[in-house]
């Protein structure tokens, strides 16, 4: 059984920072992809940032230059450093891990940015 445990969400003022963490545990091996998605009320879930096992990184255009994704392979953990937060970044953020073609999702963590 695989579990993804997210942490780090919360309420922050515009211009502030938050750091999200997602740790994968259980029977999970050969992780190919780790990433963060978000879903705002009334909107579809969208990719925020992703990082492959080879270190290739991609970001949504809306967060480039403000967010940084990183991973600790030894601990099966992915991080998302979010700086210069804007009210439009408000959403539930979900961690996603892909291992051997299987997708795993975290439970989601709320990020709220006040203006």
Protein backbone atom coordinates (compact mmCIF):
# COMPACT_ATOMS: atom_id res chain seq x y z
CA UNK A 1 0.00 0.00 0.00
CA UNK A 2 1.27 3.45 -0.95
CA UNK A 3 0.62 6.61 1.01
CA UNK A 4 1.35 10.19 0.09
CA UNK A 5 1.45 12.58 3.01
CA UNK A 6 1.35 16.27 2.22
CA UNK A 7 2.10 19.17 4.51
CA UNK A 8 2.86 22.86 4.43
CA UNK A 9 -0.33 24.47 3.23
CA UNK A 10 -1.98 27.36 5.00
CA UNK A 11 -3.03 30.99 4.88
CA UNK A 12 -0.57 33.64 3.77
CA UNK A 13 -0.73 37.22 2.63
CA UNK A 14 0.03 38.17 -0.96
CA UNK A 15 3.76 38.35 -1.49
CA UNK A 16 4.44 35.74 1.14
CA UNK A 17 5.91 32.26 0.88
CA UNK A 18 4.97 28.68 1.67
CA UNK A 19 6.78 25.39 1.28
CA UNK A 20 4.84 22.23 0.52
CA UNK A 21 6.15 18.74 1.16
CA UNK A 22 4.92 15.36 -0.01
CA UNK A 23 6.41 12.14 1.28
CA UNK A 24 5.66 8.82 -0.37
CA UNK A 25 5.78 5.68 1.74
CA UNK A 26 4.88 2.05 1.44
CA UNK A 27 5.47 -0.32 -1.46
CA UNK A 28 6.64 2.23 -3.97
CA UNK A 29 9.69 1.78 -6.16
CA UNK A 30 11.28 3.31 -9.21
CA UNK A 31 9.42 6.61 -9.04
CA UNK A 32 9.37 8.13 -12.51
CA UNK A 33 7.61 11.38 -11.80
CA UNK A 34 6.73 13.57 -8.84
CA UNK A 35 4.70 16.70 -9.17
CA UNK A 36 2.23 19.18 -7.82
CA UNK A 37 -1.19 20.01 -9.20
CA UNK A 38 -3.76 22.46 -7.97
CA UNK A 39 -7.48 22.91 -8.24
CA UNK A 40 -9.28 26.15 -7.53
CA UNK A 41 -13.06 26.26 -6.94
CA UNK A 42 -14.92 25.86 -10.21
CA UNK A 43 -11.77 25.12 -12.18
CA UNK A 44 -10.08 22.02 -13.50
CA UNK A 45 -7.07 20.53 -11.80
CA UNK A 46 -3.89 21.81 -13.42
CA UNK A 47 -0.22 20.96 -13.32
CA UNK A 48 1.82 23.42 -11.28
CA UNK A 49 5.25 21.79 -11.46
CA UNK A 50 6.70 18.37 -12.14
CA UNK A 51 10.07 16.69 -11.93
CA UNK A 52 11.10 13.44 -13.55
CA UNK A 53 13.48 10.82 -12.22
CA UNK A 54 16.08 12.21 -14.59
CA UNK A 55 15.73 15.68 -13.15
CA UNK A 56 13.73 17.25 -15.98
CA UNK A 57 11.51 19.98 -14.59
CA UNK A 58 8.53 21.80 -16.01
CA UNK A 59 6.40 24.59 -14.59
CA UNK A 60 3.09 26.15 -15.43
CA UNK A 61 3.67 29.53 -17.05
CA UNK A 62 1.77 31.22 -14.24
CA UNK A 63 4.29 30.13 -11.60
CA UNK A 64 7.59 30.35 -13.47
CA UNK A 65 10.10 32.43 -11.58
CA UNK A 66 8.10 32.20 -8.35
CA UNK A 67 7.83 28.47 -7.55
CA UNK A 68 10.61 25.92 -7.31
CA UNK A 69 10.15 22.16 -7.26
CA UNK A 70 12.74 19.79 -5.87
CA UNK A 71 12.92 16.19 -4.74
CA UNK A 72 14.83 14.03 -2.29
CA UNK A 73 15.06 10.64 -3.97
CA UNK A 74 16.44 8.94 -0.89
CA UNK A 75 13.33 9.94 1.07
CA UNK A 76 10.82 9.73 -1.80
CA UNK A 77 9.84 13.29 -1.04
CA UNK A 78 8.99 16.19 -3.29
CA UNK A 79 8.92 19.83 -2.28
CA UNK A 80 7.36 22.96 -3.71
CA UNK A 81 8.79 26.28 -2.60
CA UNK A 82 6.27 28.98 -3.39
CA UNK A 83 7.40 32.60 -3.25
CA UNK A 84 5.71 35.87 -4.19
CA UNK A 85 2.33 34.25 -3.74
CA UNK A 86 -0.69 35.85 -5.35
CA UNK A 87 -4.40 35.56 -4.53
CA UNK A 88 -4.84 33.62 -7.79
CA UNK A 89 -2.58 30.91 -6.37
CA UNK A 90 -5.35 30.03 -3.91
CA UNK A 91 -6.32 26.40 -4.44
CA UNK A 92 -6.08 22.90 -3.07
CA UNK A 93 -2.65 21.58 -3.97
CA UNK A 94 -2.25 17.87 -4.71
CA UNK A 95 0.89 15.82 -4.87
CA UNK A 96 1.12 13.22 -7.64
CA UNK A 97 3.61 10.39 -7.90
CA UNK A 98 4.01 7.99 -10.81
CA UNK A 99 5.63 4.64 -10.22
CA UNK A 100 5.68 1.78 -12.71
CA UNK A 101 2.85 3.36 -14.65
CA UNK A 102 0.62 3.74 -11.61
CA UNK A 103 -0.58 7.17 -10.51
CA UNK A 104 -0.84 8.02 -6.84
CA UNK A 105 -2.42 11.18 -5.44
CA UNK A 106 -2.13 12.88 -2.10
CA UNK A 107 -5.15 14.03 -0.13
CA UNK A 108 -4.59 17.68 -0.95
CA UNK A 109 -3.54 20.65 1.11
CA UNK A 110 -5.26 24.04 1.07
CA UNK A 111 -3.28 27.11 0.13
CA UNK A 112 -5.05 30.43 0.63
CA UNK A 113 -3.47 33.73 -0.35
CA UNK A 114 -5.16 36.85 0.94
CA UNK A 115 -4.90 40.20 -0.81
